């Protein structure tokens, strides 16, 4: 008979071992015959027995390599692969979609606070002329 190689997702670290050990969550072994498991980098995760570390997709984040990703909370975004946190949209911008950059408020609208999920129209008698307004200005005398 012959000795068997450790399966992908498992390892054998001791001489004379009689079985293999499954890689724990947050670690991987990609090929056969591993003697240790590699730790997943931040922004990625692996469940027990995994052969690859999976990255968080846009709109998600991973802050624990042993657990699957979480969706970004309302008013926050992550636009790339492997985010470890989501970014809060600042006043003047809002989170239309968690997987896209924060959007500037359109003319005639404003976003008064950080973490918004929508823009607010200016009330009658007020205006915002440019993009990214945090407040609406009163119309000047002689205008409405």
N, C-alpha and C. Protein backbone atom coordinates (compact mmCIF):
# COMPACT_ATOMS: atom_id res chain seq x y z
N UNK A 1 0.83 -1.18 0.00
CA UNK A 1 0.00 0.00 0.00
C UNK A 1 0.88 1.25 0.00
N UNK A 2 0.24 2.38 -0.23
CA UNK A 2 0.98 3.64 -0.25
C UNK A 2 0.25 4.68 0.60
N UNK A 3 0.96 5.72 0.95
CA UNK A 3 0.37 6.80 1.74
C UNK A 3 -0.46 7.69 0.82
N UNK A 4 -1.55 8.21 1.35
CA UNK A 4 -2.45 9.07 0.58
C UNK A 4 -2.13 10.54 0.83
N UNK A 5 -2.33 11.35 -0.19
CA UNK A 5 -2.16 12.80 -0.05
C UNK A 5 -3.37 13.39 0.65
N UNK A 6 -3.15 14.41 1.43
CA UNK A 6 -4.27 15.14 2.02
C UNK A 6 -5.11 15.73 0.89
N UNK A 7 -6.41 15.69 1.05
CA UNK A 7 -7.34 16.22 0.04
C UNK A 7 -7.31 17.74 0.04
N UNK A 8 -7.66 18.38 -1.10
CA UNK A 8 -7.83 19.83 -1.09
C UNK A 8 -8.85 20.22 -0.02
N UNK A 9 -8.56 21.28 0.72
CA UNK A 9 -9.43 21.70 1.82
C UNK A 9 -9.07 21.04 3.13
N UNK A 10 -8.04 20.19 3.12
CA UNK A 10 -7.57 19.48 4.32
C UNK A 10 -6.06 19.53 4.37
N UNK A 11 -5.47 19.06 5.50
CA UNK A 11 -4.03 19.03 5.64
C UNK A 11 -3.64 17.88 6.57
N UNK A 12 -2.36 17.51 6.49
CA UNK A 12 -1.76 16.53 7.40
C UNK A 12 -0.42 17.12 7.83
N UNK A 13 -0.27 17.42 9.12
CA UNK A 13 0.94 18.08 9.59
C UNK A 13 1.91 17.13 10.30
N UNK A 14 1.44 15.99 10.73
CA UNK A 14 2.28 15.08 11.52
C UNK A 14 2.78 13.89 10.71
N UNK A 15 4.02 13.46 10.98
CA UNK A 15 4.54 12.21 10.41
C UNK A 15 3.74 11.05 10.98
N UNK A 16 3.45 10.06 10.16
CA UNK A 16 2.75 8.87 10.62
C UNK A 16 1.28 9.08 10.91
N UNK A 17 0.68 10.17 10.41
CA UNK A 17 -0.73 10.45 10.65
C UNK A 17 -1.60 9.37 10.03
N UNK A 18 -2.75 9.14 10.62
CA UNK A 18 -3.68 8.12 10.11
C UNK A 18 -4.92 8.75 9.48
N UNK A 19 -5.03 10.07 9.54
CA UNK A 19 -6.14 10.75 8.86
C UNK A 19 -5.76 12.20 8.61
N UNK A 20 -6.57 12.84 7.80
CA UNK A 20 -6.35 14.25 7.49
C UNK A 20 -7.26 15.12 8.35
N UNK A 21 -6.91 16.41 8.45
CA UNK A 21 -7.69 17.37 9.22
C UNK A 21 -8.25 18.40 8.25
N UNK A 22 -9.53 18.69 8.38
CA UNK A 22 -10.18 19.68 7.51
C UNK A 22 -9.70 21.08 7.92
N UNK A 23 -9.39 21.92 6.94
CA UNK A 23 -9.02 23.30 7.22
C UNK A 23 -10.20 24.01 7.87
N UNK A 24 -9.93 24.76 8.92
CA UNK A 24 -10.98 25.49 9.61
C UNK A 24 -11.46 26.69 8.83
N UNK A 25 -12.58 27.25 9.26
CA UNK A 25 -13.11 28.45 8.62
C UNK A 25 -12.06 29.55 8.65
N UNK A 26 -11.96 30.31 7.57
CA UNK A 26 -10.97 31.39 7.47
C UNK A 26 -9.64 30.94 6.92
N UNK A 27 -9.49 29.63 6.64
CA UNK A 27 -8.25 29.09 6.08
C UNK A 27 -8.57 28.17 4.92
N UNK A 28 -7.57 27.94 4.06
CA UNK A 28 -7.75 27.08 2.88
C UNK A 28 -6.52 26.23 2.63
N UNK A 29 -6.71 25.16 1.89
CA UNK A 29 -5.60 24.47 1.23
C UNK A 29 -6.10 24.18 -0.18
N UNK A 30 -5.42 24.74 -1.15
CA UNK A 30 -5.90 24.70 -2.53
C UNK A 30 -5.63 23.38 -3.24
N UNK A 31 -4.54 22.71 -2.88
CA UNK A 31 -4.19 21.50 -3.60
C UNK A 31 -4.07 20.29 -2.69
N UNK A 32 -3.71 19.18 -3.27
CA UNK A 32 -3.51 17.94 -2.52
C UNK A 32 -2.16 17.96 -1.81
N UNK A 33 -2.08 17.27 -0.69
CA UNK A 33 -0.81 17.10 0.01
C UNK A 33 -0.39 18.27 0.88
N UNK A 34 -1.31 19.10 1.32
CA UNK A 34 -0.96 20.26 2.15
C UNK A 34 -0.54 19.81 3.55
N UNK A 35 0.42 20.52 4.10
CA UNK A 35 0.86 20.26 5.48
C UNK A 35 0.32 21.32 6.45
N UNK A 36 -0.19 22.41 5.91
CA UNK A 36 -0.83 23.47 6.70
C UNK A 36 -1.93 24.09 5.86
N UNK A 37 -2.71 24.92 6.48
CA UNK A 37 -3.74 25.69 5.77
C UNK A 37 -3.32 27.16 5.78
N UNK A 38 -3.59 27.86 4.69
CA UNK A 38 -3.26 29.28 4.57
C UNK A 38 -4.43 30.13 5.04
N UNK A 39 -4.13 31.22 5.72
CA UNK A 39 -5.15 32.13 6.22
C UNK A 39 -5.63 33.04 5.09
N UNK A 40 -6.93 33.24 5.01
CA UNK A 40 -7.50 34.13 4.00
C UNK A 40 -7.14 35.58 4.33
N UNK A 41 -6.88 36.41 3.30
CA UNK A 41 -6.59 37.83 3.55
C UNK A 41 -7.85 38.59 3.95
N UNK A 42 -7.67 39.75 4.57
CA UNK A 42 -8.80 40.59 4.94
C UNK A 42 -9.63 40.92 3.71
N UNK A 43 -10.92 41.00 3.88
CA UNK A 43 -11.82 41.28 2.76
C UNK A 43 -12.28 40.03 2.05
N UNK A 44 -11.80 38.86 2.52
CA UNK A 44 -12.24 37.59 1.96
C UNK A 44 -12.58 36.65 3.10
N UNK A 45 -13.17 35.51 2.75
CA UNK A 45 -13.58 34.54 3.76
C UNK A 45 -13.51 33.13 3.18
N UNK A 46 -13.51 32.15 4.05
CA UNK A 46 -13.59 30.74 3.64
C UNK A 46 -14.33 29.98 4.73
N UNK A 47 -15.23 29.13 4.31
CA UNK A 47 -15.92 28.26 5.24
C UNK A 47 -15.05 27.03 5.47
N UNK A 48 -15.35 26.25 6.47
CA UNK A 48 -14.57 25.05 6.80
C UNK A 48 -14.42 24.15 5.57
N UNK A 49 -13.19 23.67 5.31
CA UNK A 49 -12.93 22.76 4.20
C UNK A 49 -12.82 23.42 2.84
N UNK A 50 -12.68 24.73 2.79
CA UNK A 50 -12.63 25.45 1.51
C UNK A 50 -11.28 25.29 0.82
N UNK A 51 -11.31 25.44 -0.50
CA UNK A 51 -10.08 25.38 -1.29
C UNK A 51 -9.69 26.76 -1.84
N UNK A 52 -10.60 27.75 -1.75
CA UNK A 52 -10.31 29.13 -2.17
C UNK A 52 -10.92 30.10 -1.17
N UNK A 53 -10.28 31.26 -1.04
CA UNK A 53 -10.84 32.35 -0.27
C UNK A 53 -11.74 33.14 -1.22
N UNK A 54 -12.94 33.46 -0.80
CA UNK A 54 -13.89 34.21 -1.62
C UNK A 54 -13.92 35.65 -1.15
N UNK A 55 -13.87 36.59 -2.09
CA UNK A 55 -13.89 38.01 -1.75
C UNK A 55 -15.32 38.52 -1.63
N UNK A 56 -15.48 39.55 -0.83
CA UNK A 56 -16.75 40.25 -0.76
C UNK A 56 -16.99 40.92 -2.11
N UNK A 57 -18.22 40.86 -2.60
CA UNK A 57 -18.60 41.50 -3.86
C UNK A 57 -18.92 42.97 -3.61
N UNK A 58 -18.94 43.81 -4.64
CA UNK A 58 -19.38 45.19 -4.45
C UNK A 58 -20.76 45.21 -3.78
N UNK A 59 -20.92 46.13 -2.82
CA UNK A 59 -22.18 46.21 -2.06
C UNK A 59 -22.15 45.37 -0.80
N UNK A 60 -21.03 44.65 -0.56
CA UNK A 60 -20.87 43.80 0.61
C UNK A 60 -19.54 44.10 1.29
N UNK A 61 -19.36 43.55 2.49
CA UNK A 61 -18.08 43.65 3.18
C UNK A 61 -17.87 42.40 4.02
N UNK A 62 -16.59 42.09 4.25
CA UNK A 62 -16.21 40.97 5.11
C UNK A 62 -15.28 41.52 6.18
N UNK A 63 -15.68 41.40 7.44
CA UNK A 63 -14.82 41.86 8.53
C UNK A 63 -14.37 40.71 9.42
N UNK A 64 -14.68 39.48 9.00
CA UNK A 64 -14.29 38.28 9.72
C UNK A 64 -14.06 37.19 8.67
N UNK A 65 -12.82 36.73 8.51
CA UNK A 65 -12.49 35.77 7.45
C UNK A 65 -13.17 34.41 7.63
N UNK A 66 -13.82 34.19 8.77
CA UNK A 66 -14.48 32.91 9.02
C UNK A 66 -15.97 32.94 8.69
N UNK A 67 -16.48 34.11 8.27
CA UNK A 67 -17.92 34.23 8.01
C UNK A 67 -18.18 34.83 6.65
N UNK A 68 -19.31 34.47 6.02
CA UNK A 68 -19.68 35.05 4.72
C UNK A 68 -19.88 36.56 4.81
N UNK A 69 -19.92 37.24 3.66
CA UNK A 69 -20.05 38.70 3.65
C UNK A 69 -21.41 39.18 4.15
N UNK A 70 -21.42 40.45 4.56
CA UNK A 70 -22.63 41.14 4.96
C UNK A 70 -22.94 42.20 3.90
N UNK A 71 -24.21 42.49 3.70
CA UNK A 71 -24.60 43.58 2.81
C UNK A 71 -24.28 44.91 3.50
N UNK A 72 -23.91 45.90 2.72
CA UNK A 72 -23.67 47.23 3.28
C UNK A 72 -24.96 47.76 3.87
N UNK A 73 -24.89 48.41 5.05
CA UNK A 73 -26.09 49.02 5.63
C UNK A 73 -26.59 50.18 4.76
N UNK A 74 -27.82 50.55 4.97
CA UNK A 74 -28.42 51.66 4.23
C UNK A 74 -27.55 52.91 4.37
N UNK A 75 -27.36 53.64 3.27
CA UNK A 75 -26.59 54.87 3.29
C UNK A 75 -25.09 54.67 3.18
N UNK A 76 -24.66 53.43 2.98
CA UNK A 76 -23.22 53.11 2.85
C UNK A 76 -23.01 52.32 1.58
N UNK A 77 -21.78 52.39 1.04
CA UNK A 77 -21.45 51.71 -0.21
C UNK A 77 -20.09 51.03 -0.12
N UNK A 78 -19.91 50.01 -0.94
CA UNK A 78 -18.58 49.44 -1.23
C UNK A 78 -18.59 49.16 -2.72
N UNK A 79 -17.64 49.71 -3.43
CA UNK A 79 -17.68 49.66 -4.89
C UNK A 79 -16.71 48.67 -5.51
N UNK A 80 -15.85 48.05 -4.72
CA UNK A 80 -14.88 47.12 -5.27
C UNK A 80 -14.97 45.76 -4.60
N UNK A 81 -14.20 44.82 -5.12
CA UNK A 81 -14.10 43.49 -4.54
C UNK A 81 -13.30 43.54 -3.24
N UNK A 82 -13.65 42.71 -2.29
CA UNK A 82 -12.83 42.54 -1.09
C UNK A 82 -12.89 43.65 -0.07
N UNK A 83 -14.00 44.35 0.04
CA UNK A 83 -14.12 45.43 1.04
C UNK A 83 -14.17 44.85 2.45
N UNK A 84 -13.51 45.54 3.38
CA UNK A 84 -13.56 45.15 4.78
C UNK A 84 -14.55 46.02 5.56
N UNK A 85 -15.06 47.06 4.92
CA UNK A 85 -16.05 47.95 5.52
C UNK A 85 -16.76 48.68 4.39
N UNK A 86 -17.88 49.28 4.71
CA UNK A 86 -18.61 50.09 3.73
C UNK A 86 -18.42 51.56 4.10
N UNK A 87 -18.40 52.41 3.09
CA UNK A 87 -18.17 53.84 3.28
C UNK A 87 -19.50 54.57 3.36
N UNK A 88 -19.64 55.44 4.36
CA UNK A 88 -20.86 56.23 4.51
C UNK A 88 -20.85 57.36 3.48
N UNK A 89 -21.97 57.55 2.79
CA UNK A 89 -22.09 58.68 1.87
C UNK A 89 -22.18 59.96 2.70
N UNK A 90 -21.43 60.97 2.29
CA UNK A 90 -21.39 62.24 3.01
C UNK A 90 -22.56 63.13 2.60
N UNK A 91 -22.86 64.13 3.43
CA UNK A 91 -23.89 65.10 3.10
C UNK A 91 -23.63 65.64 1.69
N UNK A 92 -24.69 65.84 0.93
CA UNK A 92 -24.57 66.27 -0.47
C UNK A 92 -24.56 65.09 -1.43
N UNK A 93 -24.41 63.87 -0.87
CA UNK A 93 -24.45 62.65 -1.68
C UNK A 93 -25.37 61.63 -1.01
N UNK A 94 -25.79 60.63 -1.77
CA UNK A 94 -26.64 59.58 -1.22
C UNK A 94 -26.31 58.24 -1.87
N UNK A 95 -26.69 57.17 -1.20
CA UNK A 95 -26.43 55.81 -1.67
C UNK A 95 -27.64 55.31 -2.44
N UNK A 96 -27.58 55.42 -3.75
CA UNK A 96 -28.67 54.92 -4.60
C UNK A 96 -28.63 53.39 -4.62
N UNK A 97 -27.42 52.83 -4.77
CA UNK A 97 -27.18 51.40 -4.74
C UNK A 97 -25.91 51.16 -3.93
N UNK A 98 -25.90 50.13 -3.10
CA UNK A 98 -24.76 49.86 -2.21
C UNK A 98 -23.50 49.44 -2.97
N UNK A 99 -23.64 49.01 -4.23
CA UNK A 99 -22.48 48.55 -5.00
C UNK A 99 -21.98 49.60 -5.99
N UNK A 100 -22.46 50.83 -5.87
CA UNK A 100 -22.02 51.91 -6.76
C UNK A 100 -21.58 53.11 -5.92
N UNK A 101 -20.78 54.00 -6.49
CA UNK A 101 -20.34 55.18 -5.73
C UNK A 101 -21.53 56.03 -5.28
N UNK A 102 -21.31 56.80 -4.23
CA UNK A 102 -22.32 57.74 -3.75
C UNK A 102 -22.66 58.71 -4.88
N UNK A 103 -23.93 59.09 -4.98
CA UNK A 103 -24.42 59.95 -6.05
C UNK A 103 -24.60 61.37 -5.51
N UNK A 104 -24.13 62.38 -6.26
CA UNK A 104 -24.32 63.77 -5.87
C UNK A 104 -25.79 64.16 -6.00
N UNK A 105 -26.28 64.98 -5.08
CA UNK A 105 -27.63 65.51 -5.18
C UNK A 105 -27.76 66.29 -6.49
N UNK A 106 -28.88 66.15 -7.16
CA UNK A 106 -29.14 66.85 -8.43
C UNK A 106 -29.53 68.29 -8.16
N UNK A 107 -29.37 69.18 -9.15
CA UNK A 107 -29.86 70.55 -8.99
C UNK A 107 -31.36 70.52 -8.64
N UNK A 108 -31.77 71.35 -7.68
CA UNK A 108 -33.16 71.37 -7.23
C UNK A 108 -33.40 70.42 -6.06
N UNK A 109 -32.36 69.71 -5.66
CA UNK A 109 -32.44 68.77 -4.54
C UNK A 109 -31.28 69.02 -3.59
N UNK A 110 -31.35 68.44 -2.40
CA UNK A 110 -30.24 68.53 -1.45
C UNK A 110 -30.22 67.25 -0.60
N UNK A 111 -29.08 67.01 0.03
CA UNK A 111 -28.92 65.91 0.97
C UNK A 111 -28.27 66.51 2.21
N UNK A 112 -29.06 66.74 3.27
CA UNK A 112 -28.56 67.49 4.41
C UNK A 112 -27.65 66.74 5.38
N UNK A 113 -27.66 65.41 5.35
CA UNK A 113 -26.90 64.66 6.37
C UNK A 113 -26.14 63.48 5.74
N UNK A 114 -25.13 63.02 6.46
CA UNK A 114 -24.38 61.82 6.05
C UNK A 114 -25.29 60.59 6.11
N UNK A 115 -24.99 59.61 5.28
CA UNK A 115 -25.68 58.32 5.36
C UNK A 115 -27.06 58.29 4.72
N UNK A 116 -27.35 59.20 3.83
CA UNK A 116 -28.67 59.26 3.20
C UNK A 116 -28.82 58.20 2.11
N UNK A 117 -30.07 57.80 1.87
CA UNK A 117 -30.37 56.85 0.81
C UNK A 117 -31.17 57.50 -0.32
N UNK A 118 -31.47 58.79 -0.17
CA UNK A 118 -32.22 59.49 -1.21
C UNK A 118 -31.94 60.99 -1.08
N UNK A 119 -32.25 61.73 -2.14
CA UNK A 119 -32.12 63.18 -2.12
C UNK A 119 -33.48 63.79 -1.81
N UNK A 120 -33.47 65.01 -1.29
CA UNK A 120 -34.70 65.70 -0.87
C UNK A 120 -34.93 66.89 -1.80
N UNK A 121 -36.14 67.03 -2.35
CA UNK A 121 -36.38 68.19 -3.21
C UNK A 121 -36.39 69.48 -2.38
N UNK A 122 -35.94 70.55 -3.00
CA UNK A 122 -35.99 71.86 -2.34
C UNK A 122 -37.47 72.27 -2.20
N UNK A 123 -37.80 72.86 -1.10
CA UNK A 123 -39.18 73.30 -0.87
C UNK A 123 -39.45 74.55 -1.71
N UNK A 124 -40.73 74.88 -1.94
CA UNK A 124 -41.06 76.08 -2.73
C UNK A 124 -40.40 77.33 -2.13
N UNK A 125 -39.87 78.16 -3.00
CA UNK A 125 -39.20 79.39 -2.56
C UNK A 125 -37.72 79.17 -2.25
N UNK A 126 -37.25 77.95 -2.47
CA UNK A 126 -35.83 77.62 -2.23
C UNK A 126 -35.27 76.93 -3.47
N UNK A 127 -33.94 76.99 -3.61
CA UNK A 127 -33.30 76.44 -4.80
C UNK A 127 -31.90 75.93 -4.47
N UNK A 128 -31.47 74.93 -5.20
CA UNK A 128 -30.05 74.54 -5.20
C UNK A 128 -29.64 74.47 -6.66
N UNK A 129 -28.67 75.25 -7.02
CA UNK A 129 -28.32 75.40 -8.44
C UNK A 129 -27.39 74.31 -8.94
N UNK A 130 -26.48 73.85 -8.11
CA UNK A 130 -25.49 72.88 -8.58
C UNK A 130 -25.72 71.49 -8.00
N UNK A 131 -24.81 70.60 -8.33
CA UNK A 131 -24.86 69.24 -7.80
C UNK A 131 -24.24 69.19 -6.41
N UNK A 132 -24.69 68.24 -5.61
CA UNK A 132 -24.07 68.00 -4.31
C UNK A 132 -24.44 68.99 -3.23
N UNK A 133 -25.59 69.62 -3.34
CA UNK A 133 -26.01 70.60 -2.33
C UNK A 133 -26.36 69.91 -1.01
N UNK A 134 -25.99 70.56 0.09
CA UNK A 134 -26.35 70.07 1.42
C UNK A 134 -27.54 70.84 1.99
N UNK A 135 -27.89 71.94 1.35
CA UNK A 135 -29.06 72.73 1.75
C UNK A 135 -29.56 73.49 0.53
N UNK A 136 -30.78 73.99 0.63
CA UNK A 136 -31.36 74.81 -0.43
C UNK A 136 -31.38 76.25 0.04
N UNK A 137 -30.99 77.15 -0.84
CA UNK A 137 -30.95 78.59 -0.51
C UNK A 137 -32.30 79.22 -0.82
N UNK A 138 -32.63 80.28 -0.08
CA UNK A 138 -33.86 81.01 -0.35
C UNK A 138 -33.71 81.76 -1.68
N UNK A 139 -34.81 81.83 -2.41
CA UNK A 139 -34.80 82.59 -3.65
C UNK A 139 -34.58 84.07 -3.31
N UNK A 140 -33.86 84.76 -4.17
CA UNK A 140 -33.56 86.18 -3.96
C UNK A 140 -34.81 87.02 -4.17
N UNK A 141 -34.78 88.19 -3.60
CA UNK A 141 -35.89 89.14 -3.80
C UNK A 141 -36.09 89.36 -5.28
N UNK A 142 -37.31 89.37 -5.70
CA UNK A 142 -37.62 89.56 -7.12
C UNK A 142 -37.72 88.22 -7.85
N UNK A 143 -37.46 87.08 -7.14
CA UNK A 143 -37.57 85.75 -7.76
C UNK A 143 -38.41 84.85 -6.87
N UNK A 144 -38.88 83.77 -7.44
CA UNK A 144 -39.59 82.78 -6.63
C UNK A 144 -39.41 81.41 -7.23
